[in-house]
C-alpha atoms as a PDB file:
ATOM      1  CA  MET A   1       0.177   0.039   0.111  1.00  0.00           C
ATOM      2  CA  GLN A   2       1.412   3.466  -1.028  1.00  0.00           C
ATOM      3  CA  PRO A   3       1.900   6.000   1.676  1.00  0.00           C
ATOM      4  CA  ASP A   4      -1.176   8.477   1.918  1.00  0.00           C
ATOM      5  CA  LYS A   5       1.012  11.857   0.916  1.00  0.00           C
ATOM      6  CA  ASP A   6      -1.552  14.024   2.156  1.00  0.00           C
ATOM      7  CA  LYS A   7      -1.265  12.425   6.202  1.00  0.00           C
ATOM      8  CA  PRO A   8       1.040  14.613   8.494  1.00  0.00           C
ATOM      9  CA  PRO A   9       3.705  12.307   9.055  1.00  0.00           C
ATOM     10  CA  THR A  10       5.331  11.982  12.627  1.00  0.00           C
ATOM     11  CA  PHE A  11       8.772  13.425  11.558  1.00  0.00           C
ATOM     12  CA  SER A  12       9.442  16.429  10.048  1.00  0.00           C
ATOM     13  CA  VAL A  13      13.426  16.709   8.794  1.00  0.00           C
ATOM     14  CA  VAL A  14      14.159  19.936   8.218  1.00  0.00           C
ATOM     15  CA  MET A  15      17.956  20.252   6.411  1.00  0.00           C
ATOM     16  CA  PRO A  16      19.326  23.701   5.423  1.00  0.00           C
ATOM     17  CA  VAL A  17      21.437  23.832   2.402  1.00  0.00           C
ATOM     18  CA  TYR A  18      24.455  26.219   1.932  1.00  0.00           C
ATOM     19  CA  ASN A  19      27.073  25.303  -0.898  1.00  0.00           C
ATOM     20  CA  HIS A  20      27.562  21.606   0.045  1.00  0.00           C
ATOM     21  CA  ALA A  21      27.709  20.060  -3.466  1.00  0.00           C
ATOM     22  CA  GLY A  22      29.961  17.738  -2.409  1.00  0.00           C
ATOM     23  CA  TYR A  23      27.990  16.583   0.691  1.00  0.00           C
ATOM     24  CA  VAL A  24      24.827  16.679  -0.104  1.00  0.00           C
ATOM     25  CA  VAL A  25      24.040  13.849  -1.992  1.00  0.00           C
ATOM     26  CA  GLN A  26      25.109  11.648   1.008  1.00  0.00           C
ATOM     27  CA  ALA A  27      22.964  13.733   3.792  1.00  0.00           C
ATOM     28  CA  VAL A  28      19.745  13.370   1.616  1.00  0.00           C
ATOM     29  CA  ARG A  29      20.080   9.448   0.968  1.00  0.00           C
ATOM     30  CA  SER A  30      20.741   9.448   5.305  1.00  0.00           C
ATOM     31  CA  VAL A  31      17.702  10.030   5.529  1.00  0.00           C
ATOM     32  CA  MET A  32      16.069   8.048   2.614  1.00  0.00           C
ATOM     33  CA  ASP A  33      17.444   4.698   3.919  1.00  0.00           C
ATOM     34  CA  GLN A  34      16.069   5.057   6.997  1.00  0.00           C
ATOM     35  CA  SER A  35      14.264   1.983   8.090  1.00  0.00           C
ATOM     36  CA  LEU A  36      11.614   4.197   9.707  1.00  0.00           C
ATOM     37  CA  ALA A  37       9.217   5.493   6.252  1.00  0.00           C
ATOM     38  CA  ASP A  38       7.301   8.023   8.306  1.00  0.00           C
ATOM     39  CA  TRP A  39       8.858  11.201   7.682  1.00  0.00           C
ATOM     40  CA  ARG A  40       8.963  14.223   4.872  1.00  0.00           C
ATOM     41  CA  LEU A  41      12.525  16.073   4.269  1.00  0.00           C
ATOM     42  CA  ILE A  42      12.177  19.745   3.486  1.00  0.00           C
ATOM     43  CA  ILE A  43      15.699  21.374   1.830  1.00  0.00           C
ATOM     44  CA  VAL A  44      15.883  24.870   2.040  1.00  0.00           C
ATOM     45  CA  ASP A  45      18.765  26.093  -0.704  1.00  0.00           C
ATOM     46  CA  ASP A  46      20.051  29.209   0.975  1.00  0.00           C
ATOM     47  CA  GLY A  47      21.319  30.947  -2.402  1.00  0.00           C
ATOM     48  CA  SER A  48      24.054  27.857  -3.189  1.00  0.00           C
ATOM     49  CA  THR A  49      25.978  28.896  -5.858  1.00  0.00           C
ATOM     50  CA  ASP A  50      28.271  25.891  -6.178  1.00  0.00           C
ATOM     51  CA  GLY A  51      25.292  23.825  -7.582  1.00  0.00           C
ATOM     52  CA  SER A  52      23.878  22.231  -4.330  1.00  0.00           C
ATOM     53  CA  GLY A  53      20.272  23.940  -4.963  1.00  0.00           C
ATOM     54  CA  GLU A  54      20.010  21.311  -8.709  1.00  0.00           C
ATOM     55  CA  ILE A  55      21.298  18.987  -7.057  1.00  0.00           C
ATOM     56  CA  VAL A  56      18.096  19.506  -4.500  1.00  0.00           C
ATOM     57  CA  ASP A  57      15.968  20.055  -6.974  1.00  0.00           C
ATOM     58  CA  ASP A  58      16.903  16.555  -8.899  1.00  0.00           C
ATOM     59  CA  LEU A  59      16.342  14.571  -5.243  1.00  0.00           C
ATOM     60  CA  ALA A  60      13.305  16.573  -4.557  1.00  0.00           C
ATOM     61  CA  GLY A  61      11.638  15.225  -7.824  1.00  0.00           C
ATOM     62  CA  ARG A  62      12.569  11.417  -7.470  1.00  0.00           C
ATOM     63  CA  HIS A  63      11.110  11.395  -3.893  1.00  0.00           C
ATOM     64  CA  GLU A  64       7.794  12.403  -2.937  1.00  0.00           C
ATOM     65  CA  HIS A  65       8.781  12.148   0.617  1.00  0.00           C
ATOM     66  CA  ILE A  66      10.894  15.328   0.021  1.00  0.00           C
ATOM     67  CA  THR A  67      10.677  19.022  -0.624  1.00  0.00           C
ATOM     68  CA  ALA A  68      13.503  21.393  -2.026  1.00  0.00           C
ATOM     69  CA  ILE A  69      12.669  25.564  -1.715  1.00  0.00           C
ATOM     70  CA  HIS A  70      14.559  28.696  -2.360  1.00  0.00           C
ATOM     71  CA  GLN A  71      15.618  31.710  -1.377  1.00  0.00           C
ATOM     72  CA  PRO A  72      18.433  34.088  -1.595  1.00  0.00           C
ATOM     73  CA  ASN A  73      21.498  33.935   1.589  1.00  0.00           C
ATOM     74  CA  ALA A  74      20.177  34.133   4.465  1.00  0.00           C
ATOM     75  CA  GLY A  75      21.670  32.155   7.096  1.00  0.00           C
ATOM     76  CA  PRO A  76      21.309  28.908   8.338  1.00  0.00           C
ATOM     77  CA  ALA A  77      18.121  30.455  10.820  1.00  0.00           C
ATOM     78  CA  ALA A  78      16.266  32.044   8.162  1.00  0.00           C
ATOM     79  CA  ALA A  79      16.550  28.506   6.169  1.00  0.00           C
ATOM     80  CA  ARG A  80      15.020  26.888   8.830  1.00  0.00           C
ATOM     81  CA  ASN A  81      12.666  28.627   9.372  1.00  0.00           C
ATOM     82  CA  ALA A  82      11.311  28.920   5.905  1.00  0.00           C
ATOM     83  CA  ALA A  83      11.166  25.099   6.411  1.00  0.00           C
ATOM     84  CA  LEU A  84       9.713  25.101   9.681  1.00  0.00           C
ATOM     85  CA  LYS A  85       6.844  27.108   8.346  1.00  0.00           C
ATOM     86  CA  LEU A  86       6.107  23.898   5.700  1.00  0.00           C
ATOM     87  CA  ALA A  87       6.647  21.383   8.508  1.00  0.00           C
ATOM     88  CA  ARG A  88       3.068  19.381   9.303  1.00  0.00           C
ATOM     89  CA  GLY A  89       4.968  16.777  11.397  1.00  0.00           C
ATOM     90  CA  ARG A  90       4.091  16.378  14.954  1.00  0.00           C
ATOM     91  CA  TRP A  91       7.778  16.175  15.759  1.00  0.00           C
ATOM     92  CA  LEU A  92      10.345  18.175  14.431  1.00  0.00           C
ATOM     93  CA  THR A  93      14.065  16.670  13.250  1.00  0.00           C
ATOM     94  CA  TYR A  94      17.076  18.305  11.709  1.00  0.00           C
ATOM     95  CA  ILE A  95      20.253  17.329   9.887  1.00  0.00           C
ATOM     96  CA  ASP A  96      22.695  19.582   8.613  1.00  0.00           C
ATOM     97  CA  SER A  97      23.578  18.848   4.196  1.00  0.00           C
ATOM     98  CA  ASP A  98      26.919  17.753   5.902  1.00  0.00           C
ATOM     99  CA  ASP A  99      26.357  14.736   8.192  1.00  0.00           C
ATOM    100  CA  ILE A 100      25.106  11.503   8.565  1.00  0.00           C
ATOM    101  CA  TRP A 101      21.431  10.019  10.253  1.00  0.00           C
ATOM    102  CA  PHE A 102      22.284   6.426  11.080  1.00  0.00           C
ATOM    103  CA  PRO A 103      19.886   4.257   9.673  1.00  0.00           C
ATOM    104  CA  ASP A 104      17.582   3.228  12.195  1.00  0.00           C
ATOM    105  CA  THR A 105      17.712   7.159  13.976  1.00  0.00           C
ATOM    106  CA  LEU A 106      14.262   8.206  13.081  1.00  0.00           C
ATOM    107  CA  ALA A 107      13.308   4.328  14.628  1.00  0.00           C
ATOM    108  CA  ASN A 108      15.222   4.402  18.064  1.00  0.00           C
ATOM    109  CA  TYR A 109      13.279   8.307  18.225  1.00  0.00           C
ATOM    110  CA  ALA A 110      10.070   6.243  17.784  1.00  0.00           C
ATOM    111  CA  ALA A 111      10.722   4.085  20.247  1.00  0.00           C
ATOM    112  CA  TYR A 112      11.112   6.532  22.698  1.00  0.00           C
ATOM    113  CA  ILE A 113       8.431   7.828  22.047  1.00  0.00           C
ATOM    114  CA  ARG A 114       6.132   4.979  22.511  1.00  0.00           C
ATOM    115  CA  ALA A 115       8.034   3.778  25.632  1.00  0.00           C
ATOM    116  CA  HIS A 116       7.697   8.069  27.469  1.00  0.00           C
ATOM    117  CA  PRO A 117       4.244   9.153  25.831  1.00  0.00           C
ATOM    118  CA  GLU A 118       5.019  12.430  27.938  1.00  0.00           C
ATOM    119  CA  ALA A 119       8.361  13.768  26.475  1.00  0.00           C
ATOM    120  CA  LYS A 120       8.583  16.747  24.524  1.00  0.00           C
ATOM    121  CA  PHE A 121      12.372  17.025  23.573  1.00  0.00           C
ATOM    122  CA  ILE A 122      14.190  14.200  23.009  1.00  0.00           C
ATOM    123  CA  TYR A 123      18.405  13.875  22.462  1.00  0.00           C
ATOM    124  CA  GLY A 124      21.133  11.629  21.848  1.00  0.00           C
ATOM    125  CA  TYR A 125      24.668  12.169  20.172  1.00  0.00           C
ATOM    126  CA  ARG A 126      26.914  12.117  17.598  1.00  0.00           C
ATOM    127  CA  HIS A 127      30.043  10.185  16.503  1.00  0.00           C
ATOM    128  CA  ARG A 128      32.649  11.948  13.772  1.00  0.00           C
ATOM    129  CA  LEU A 129      33.353  11.663  10.324  1.00  0.00           C
ATOM    130  CA  GLU A 130      37.060  12.833   9.891  1.00  0.00           C
ATOM    131  CA  PRO A 131      38.027  14.521   6.593  1.00  0.00           C
ATOM    132  CA  GLY A 132      39.807  11.023   5.333  1.00  0.00           C
ATOM    133  CA  GLY A 133      36.808   9.082   5.959  1.00  0.00           C
ATOM    134  CA  ALA A 134      37.583   7.326   9.478  1.00  0.00           C
ATOM    135  CA  THR A 135      34.774   7.562  12.405  1.00  0.00           C
ATOM    136  CA  THR A 136      35.303   8.992  15.760  1.00  0.00           C
ATOM    137  CA  GLU A 137      33.439   7.279  18.533  1.00  0.00           C
ATOM    138  CA  LEU A 138      32.545  10.100  20.916  1.00  0.00           C
ATOM    139  CA  PRO A 139      30.816   9.706  24.411  1.00  0.00           C
ATOM    140  CA  GLY A 140      27.483  11.348  24.635  1.00  0.00           C
ATOM    141  CA  GLU A 141      26.653  14.171  27.602  1.00  0.00           C
ATOM    142  CA  PHE A 142      24.305  14.285  29.494  1.00  0.00           C
ATOM    143  CA  GLN A 143      22.738  10.563  28.498  1.00  0.00           C
ATOM    144  CA  HIS A 144      21.974   9.359  32.009  1.00  0.00           C
ATOM    145  CA  GLN A 145      19.838  11.696  33.025  1.00  0.00           C
ATOM    146  CA  ALA A 146      16.613  14.625  31.752  1.00  0.00           C
ATOM    147  CA  THR A 147      18.582  17.777  31.839  1.00  0.00           C
ATOM    148  CA  GLY A 148      17.287  21.311  31.276  1.00  0.00           C
ATOM    149  CA  THR A 149      18.163  25.336  31.699  1.00  0.00           C
ATOM    150  CA  ALA A 150      21.135  24.879  33.926  1.00  0.00           C
ATOM    151  CA  GLU A 151      23.005  22.425  32.688  1.00  0.00           C
ATOM    152  CA  LEU A 152      22.462  24.003  28.803  1.00  0.00           C
ATOM    153  CA  PHE A 153      23.528  27.395  30.261  1.00  0.00           C
ATOM    154  CA  GLU A 154      26.918  25.831  31.204  1.00  0.00           C
ATOM    155  CA  ARG A 155      27.547  23.888  28.795  1.00  0.00           C
ATOM    156  CA  MET A 156      26.305  24.053  24.788  1.00  0.00           C
ATOM    157  CA  TYR A 157      25.868  20.011  24.556  1.00  0.00           C
ATOM    158  CA  LEU A 158      23.048  19.790  21.987  1.00  0.00           C
ATOM    159  CA  SER A 159      23.182  19.502  17.755  1.00  0.00           C
ATOM    160  CA  HIS A 160      21.056  19.879  15.065  1.00  0.00           C
ATOM    161  CA  LEU A 161      21.833  16.359  14.085  1.00  0.00           C
ATOM    162  CA  CYS A 162      20.717  15.078  17.714  1.00  0.00           C
ATOM    163  CA  VAL A 163      17.559  16.584  18.535  1.00  0.00           C
ATOM    164  CA  CYS A 164      13.782  15.789  18.095  1.00  0.00           C
ATOM    165  CA  TYR A 165      10.659  17.424  19.562  1.00  0.00           C
ATOM    166  CA  ARG A 166       6.833  18.214  19.510  1.00  0.00           C
ATOM    167  CA  ARG A 167       6.347  21.290  17.209  1.00  0.00           C
ATOM    168  CA  GLU A 168       4.227  22.984  19.878  1.00  0.00           C
ATOM    169  CA  LEU A 169       7.088  23.976  21.775  1.00  0.00           C
ATOM    170  CA  LEU A 170       8.380  26.306  18.868  1.00  0.00           C
ATOM    171  CA  ALA A 171       4.695  27.915  19.647  1.00  0.00           C
ATOM    172  CA  GLU A 172       5.744  28.267  22.795  1.00  0.00           C
ATOM    173  CA  ALA A 173       9.852  29.323  22.356  1.00  0.00           C
ATOM    174  CA  GLY A 174       9.541  30.978  19.096  1.00  0.00           C
ATOM    175  CA  THR A 175      11.536  30.292  16.035  1.00  0.00           C
ATOM    176  CA  TYR A 176      15.185  30.551  15.366  1.00  0.00           C
ATOM    177  CA  ASP A 177      16.524  34.359  15.931  1.00  0.00           C
ATOM    178  CA  GLN A 178      17.017  34.798  12.100  1.00  0.00           C
ATOM    179  CA  ASN A 179      19.390  38.243  13.047  1.00  0.00           C
ATOM    180  CA  LEU A 180      22.300  35.566  13.997  1.00  0.00           C
ATOM    181  CA  ARG A 181      24.226  33.540  11.995  1.00  0.00           C
ATOM    182  CA  SER A 182      25.899  31.679  14.655  1.00  0.00           C
ATOM    183  CA  CYS A 183      24.828  30.224  17.749  1.00  0.00           C
ATOM    184  CA  GLU A 184      21.530  30.351  16.568  1.00  0.00           C
ATOM    185  CA  ASP A 185      20.617  26.737  17.504  1.00  0.00           C
ATOM    186  CA  TYR A 186      22.129  27.815  21.268  1.00  0.00           C
ATOM    187  CA  GLU A 187      20.356  30.553  21.601  1.00  0.00           C
ATOM    188  CA  LEU A 188      16.798  28.676  20.862  1.00  0.00           C
ATOM    189  CA  TYR A 189      17.371  25.510  22.584  1.00  0.00           C
ATOM    190  CA  LEU A 190      17.623  28.043  25.572  1.00  0.00           C
ATOM    191  CA  ARG A 191      14.340  29.498  25.211  1.00  0.00           C
ATOM    192  CA  ILE A 192      12.862  26.165  24.815  1.00  0.00           C
ATOM    193  CA  SER A 193      14.352  24.675  27.877  1.00  0.00           C
ATOM    194  CA  LEU A 194      11.915  27.207  29.397  1.00  0.00           C
ATOM    195  CA  HIS A 195       9.140  25.112  28.932  1.00  0.00           C
ATOM    196  CA  CYS A 196       9.963  21.098  29.113  1.00  0.00           C
ATOM    197  CA  ARG A 197      13.317  19.195  30.132  1.00  0.00           C
ATOM    198  CA  PHE A 198      15.641  17.532  27.680  1.00  0.00           C
ATOM    199  CA  GLU A 199      15.125  13.778  27.934  1.00  0.00           C
ATOM    200  CA  PRO A 200      18.208  11.618  26.868  1.00  0.00           C
ATOM    201  CA  LEU A 201      17.704   8.968  24.157  1.00  0.00           C
ATOM    202  CA  GLY A 202      20.427   7.241  24.839  1.00  0.00           C
ATOM    203  CA  LEU A 203      22.401   6.813  22.152  1.00  0.00           C
ATOM    204  CA  PRO A 204      23.942   8.368  19.056  1.00  0.00           C
ATOM    205  CA  THR A 205      21.882   9.207  15.830  1.00  0.00           C
ATOM    206  CA  GLY A 206      24.528   9.767  13.496  1.00  0.00           C
ATOM    207  CA  LEU A 207      28.032  11.104  11.764  1.00  0.00           C
ATOM    208  CA  ARG A 208      28.724  15.110  12.112  1.00  0.00           C
ATOM    209  CA  ARG A 209      31.731  15.304   9.292  1.00  0.00           C
ATOM    210  CA  ARG A 210      34.854  17.680   9.834  1.00  0.00           C
ATOM    211  CA  HIS A 211      36.223  20.052   6.961  1.00  0.00           C
ATOM    212  CA  ASP A 212      37.724  22.855   6.347  1.00  0.00           C
ATOM    213  CA  ARG A 213      35.062  24.961   6.622  1.00  0.00           C
ATOM    214  CA  ASN A 214      32.957  23.378   9.299  1.00  0.00           C
ATOM    215  CA  ILE A 215      36.007  23.169  11.754  1.00  0.00           C
ATOM    216  CA  SER A 216      36.005  26.422  13.799  1.00  0.00           C
ATOM    217  CA  ARG A 217      38.051  27.631  16.480  1.00  0.00           C
ATOM    218  CA  GLN A 218      36.943  30.207  19.157  1.00  0.00           C
ATOM    219  CA  THR A 219      37.938  34.068  18.711  1.00  0.00           C
ATOM    220  CA  GLY A 220      36.768  36.918  20.489  1.00  0.00           C
ATOM    221  CA  TYR A 221      33.734  37.443  18.378  1.00  0.00           C
ATOM    222  CA  SER A 222      31.868  33.619  18.617  1.00  0.00           C
ATOM    223  CA  ARG A 223      33.265  34.291  22.603  1.00  0.00           C
ATOM    224  CA  MET A 224      31.888  37.848  22.750  1.00  0.00           C
ATOM    225  CA  LEU A 225      28.253  36.282  21.283  1.00  0.00           C
ATOM    226  CA  GLU A 226      28.169  33.631  23.330  1.00  0.00           C
ATOM    227  CA  ALA A 227      28.230  35.828  26.492  1.00  0.00           C
ATOM    228  CA  GLU A 228      26.061  38.261  25.023  1.00  0.00           C
ATOM    229  CA  LEU A 229      23.134  35.172  24.376  1.00  0.00           C
ATOM    230  CA  LEU A 230      23.624  34.269  27.397  1.00  0.00           C
ATOM    231  CA  ARG A 231      23.292  37.716  29.025  1.00  0.00           C
ATOM    232  CA  ARG A 232      19.735  38.197  27.160  1.00  0.00           C
ATOM    233  CA  PHE A 233      18.613  34.919  27.669  1.00  0.00           C
ATOM    234  CA  VAL A 234      18.707  36.250  31.454  1.00  0.00           C
ATOM    235  CA  GLU A 235      17.949  39.860  31.386  1.00  0.00           C
ATOM    236  CA  GLN A 236      15.213  39.988  28.895  1.00  0.00           C
ATOM    237  CA  GLN A 237      13.536  36.190  28.251  1.00  0.00           C
ATOM    238  CA  GLY A 238      12.787  34.284  31.723  1.00  0.00           C
ATOM    239  CA  GLY A 239      16.298  32.793  32.608  1.00  0.00           C
ATOM    240  CA  ALA A 240      16.622  34.876  36.164  1.00  0.00           C
ATOM    241  CA  ALA A 241      13.339  33.302  37.367  1.00  0.00           C
ATOM    242  CA  VAL A 242      14.928  29.569  36.999  1.00  0.00           C
ATOM    243  CA  LEU A 243      18.402  30.188  37.069  1.00  0.00           C
ATOM    244  CA  GLN A 244      20.397  31.055  40.082  1.00  0.00           C
ATOM    245  CA  PRO A 245      22.411  34.170  40.547  1.00  0.00           C
ATOM    246  CA  ASP A 246      26.266  32.869  41.371  1.00  0.00           C
ATOM    247  CA  ARG A 247      25.930  30.275  38.153  1.00  0.00           C
ATOM    248  CA  VAL A 248      25.223  33.647  36.001  1.00  0.00           C
ATOM    249  CA  ALA A 249      27.895  35.543  37.454  1.00  0.00           C
ATOM    250  CA  ARG A 250      30.309  32.534  37.289  1.00  0.00           C
ATOM    251  CA  ARG A 251      29.312  31.426  33.760  1.00  0.00           C
ATOM    252  CA  LEU A 252      29.441  34.678  32.358  1.00  0.00           C
ATOM    253  CA  GLY A 253      32.414  36.293  33.930  1.00  0.00           C
ATOM    254  CA  ARG A 254      34.289  33.222  32.064  1.00  0.00           C
ATOM    255  CA  LEU A 255      32.890  34.097  28.974  1.00  0.00           C
ATOM    256  CA  TYR A 256      33.335  37.620  29.331  1.00  0.00           C
ATOM    257  CA  TYR A 257      37.268  37.119  30.161  1.00  0.00           C
ATOM    258  CA  ALA A 258      37.720  34.311  27.354  1.00  0.00           C
ATOM    259  CA  ALA A 259      36.707  36.750  24.906  1.00  0.00           C
ATOM    260  CA  GLY A 260      39.124  39.884  26.331  1.00  0.00           C
ATOM    261  CA  ARG A 261      41.862  37.118  26.599  1.00  0.00           C
ATOM    262  CA  GLN A 262      40.984  36.281  22.668  1.00  0.00           C
ATOM    263  CA  TYR A 263      40.653  39.882  21.448  1.00  0.00           C
ATOM    264  CA  PHE A 264      44.041  40.452  23.007  1.00  0.00           C
ATOM    265  CA  LYS A 265      45.936  37.919  21.393  1.00  0.00           C
ATOM    266  CA  ALA A 266      44.307  39.051  17.689  1.00  0.00           C
ATOM    267  CA  ARG A 267      45.313  42.190  18.933  1.00  0.00           C
ATOM    268  CA  CYS A 268      42.602  44.084  19.190  1.00  0.00           C
ATOM    269  CA  TYR A 269      43.072  45.563  22.195  1.00  0.00           C
ATOM    270  CA  ARG A 270      40.102  48.094  21.846  1.00  0.00           C
ATOM    271  CA  GLN A 271      37.532  45.372  21.645  1.00  0.00           C
ATOM    272  CA  ALA A 272      39.649  43.556  24.467  1.00  0.00           C
ATOM    273  CA  VAL A 273      39.485  46.454  27.170  1.00  0.00           C
ATOM    274  CA  ALA A 274      35.386  46.304  25.839  1.00  0.00           C
ATOM    275  CA  ALA A 275      35.031  43.043  27.020  1.00  0.00           C
ATOM    276  CA  MET A 276      37.340  42.857  30.388  1.00  0.00           C
ATOM    277  CA  LYS A 277      35.180  45.880  31.682  1.00  0.00           C
ATOM    278  CA  THR A 278      32.171  43.769  31.234  1.00  0.00           C
ATOM    279  CA  ALA A 279      33.854  40.648  32.766  1.00  0.00           C
ATOM    280  CA  HIS A 280      34.328  42.770  36.007  1.00  0.00           C
ATOM    281  CA  ARG A 281      31.336  43.202  36.359  1.00  0.00           C
ATOM    282  CA  TYR A 282      30.253  39.488  37.165  1.00  0.00           C
ATOM    283  CA  ARG A 283      33.870  37.967  37.935  1.00  0.00           C
ATOM    284  CA  ARG A 284      37.191  40.237  39.028  1.00  0.00           C
ATOM    285  CA  THR A 285      40.458  38.633  38.276  1.00  0.00           C
ATOM    286  CA  LEU A 286      43.918  39.116  38.410  1.00  0.00           C
ATOM    287  CA  LYS A 287      44.766  37.805  34.878  1.00  0.00           C
ATOM    288  CA  GLY A 288      41.801  39.990  33.578  1.00  0.00           C
ATOM    289  CA  ILE A 289      42.745  43.730  34.929  1.00  0.00           C
ATOM    290  CA  ALA A 290      46.208  42.888  33.424  1.00  0.00           C
ATOM    291  CA  ILE A 291      45.136  41.734  30.118  1.00  0.00           C
ATOM    292  CA  SER A 292      42.655  44.965  30.305  1.00  0.00           C
ATOM    293  CA  LEU A 293      44.923  47.422  31.525  1.00  0.00           C
ATOM    294  CA  LEU A 294      48.192  45.780  29.058  1.00  0.00           C
ATOM    295  CA  SER A 295      45.324  46.500  26.363  1.00  0.00           C
ATOM    296  CA  ARG A 296      45.135  49.680  27.123  1.00  0.00           C
ATOM    297  CA  CYS A 297      49.274  50.184  26.928  1.00  0.00           C
ATOM    298  CA  LEU A 298      48.866  49.094  23.645  1.00  0.00           C
ATOM    299  CA  LEU A 299      45.774  50.726  21.817  1.00  0.00           C
ATOM    300  CA  PRO A 300      47.986  52.737  19.274  1.00  0.00           C
ATOM    301  CA  VAL A 301      49.700  49.839  17.783  1.00  0.00           C
ATOM    302  CA  GLY A 302      46.254  47.482  18.059  1.00  0.00           C
ATOM    303  CA  ARG A 303      44.181  46.811  15.122  1.00  0.00           C
ATOM    304  CA  THR A 304      40.601  46.482  15.134  1.00  0.00           C
ATOM    305  CA  ASP A 305      38.052  42.976  14.291  1.00  0.00           C
ATOM    306  CA  GLY A 306      36.284  43.604  11.133  1.00  0.00           C
ATOM    307  CA  ARG A 307      33.394  42.322  13.060  1.00  0.00           C
ATOM    308  CA  GLN A 308      33.570  45.015  15.642  1.00  0.00           C
ATOM    309  CA  MET A 309      31.329  43.521  19.137  1.00  0.00           C
ATOM    310  CA  PRO A 310      28.572  41.637  18.573  1.00  0.00           C
ATOM    311  CA  GLU A 311      25.005  43.412  19.320  1.00  0.00           C
ATOM    312  CA  LEU A 312      21.966  42.349  19.698  1.00  0.00           C
END
């Protein structure tokens, strides 16, 4: 019997694509090869210029469970939001266009849902696909206990490749912040954490591919952005109601200090001074004071980070 195309699926799968022509076929095939067939995949080509758009159109044309749409480049948050507008599944799942699901990922989610009908948000963990093709198995974080705002505030341990949650959570928490080009997932999960607990699947869901475009290094800007997102969550989005003040001060103090240190190493002394000034509101350290004083002395020979300081 053919599946009913008009019946909402159990799982909507969201995949943004931007210039991943060499990887996207394998990513899509890992969805097509799922042992559970109750899914619909929505692919959003975010203004690719390398032929990715034509590839996903061809895949969608040959599989009735795949929809491909196109938009001018607006970033991954905007691409995922565009897909979410079309999603009809009771549960939302995600895979990036350079990653790979294991064949039983959706079946494992479905089994957990049957055994835990009250669950709202489920998360597994991932292994790593190295550039040469080898697989590195990684231990899962927090796979033996439910987690929530407190744990997530301390560390970003969730991944698009490994989460599955009820669609109605977005009605409560909102969708992705389209002004963000990075950390958009962390920001959304923090908001969602105010509405449910995160329940561990206890299983890996797929492979996170490492390549030269996704191996990121920490910078002053990236650490500053993370700190600003967390501060906004506390001060404007409800985090203060559930987080202890000493936990907030410790975490933000460390992050702003790390941002200042990275800016200092990059010789962006003006930004280093600003980051350390904010760090000292939460956690004053001798190292932070020293970096701030030295940065002020070196201002005339410093340079400016092209992205300046993040503004939210």
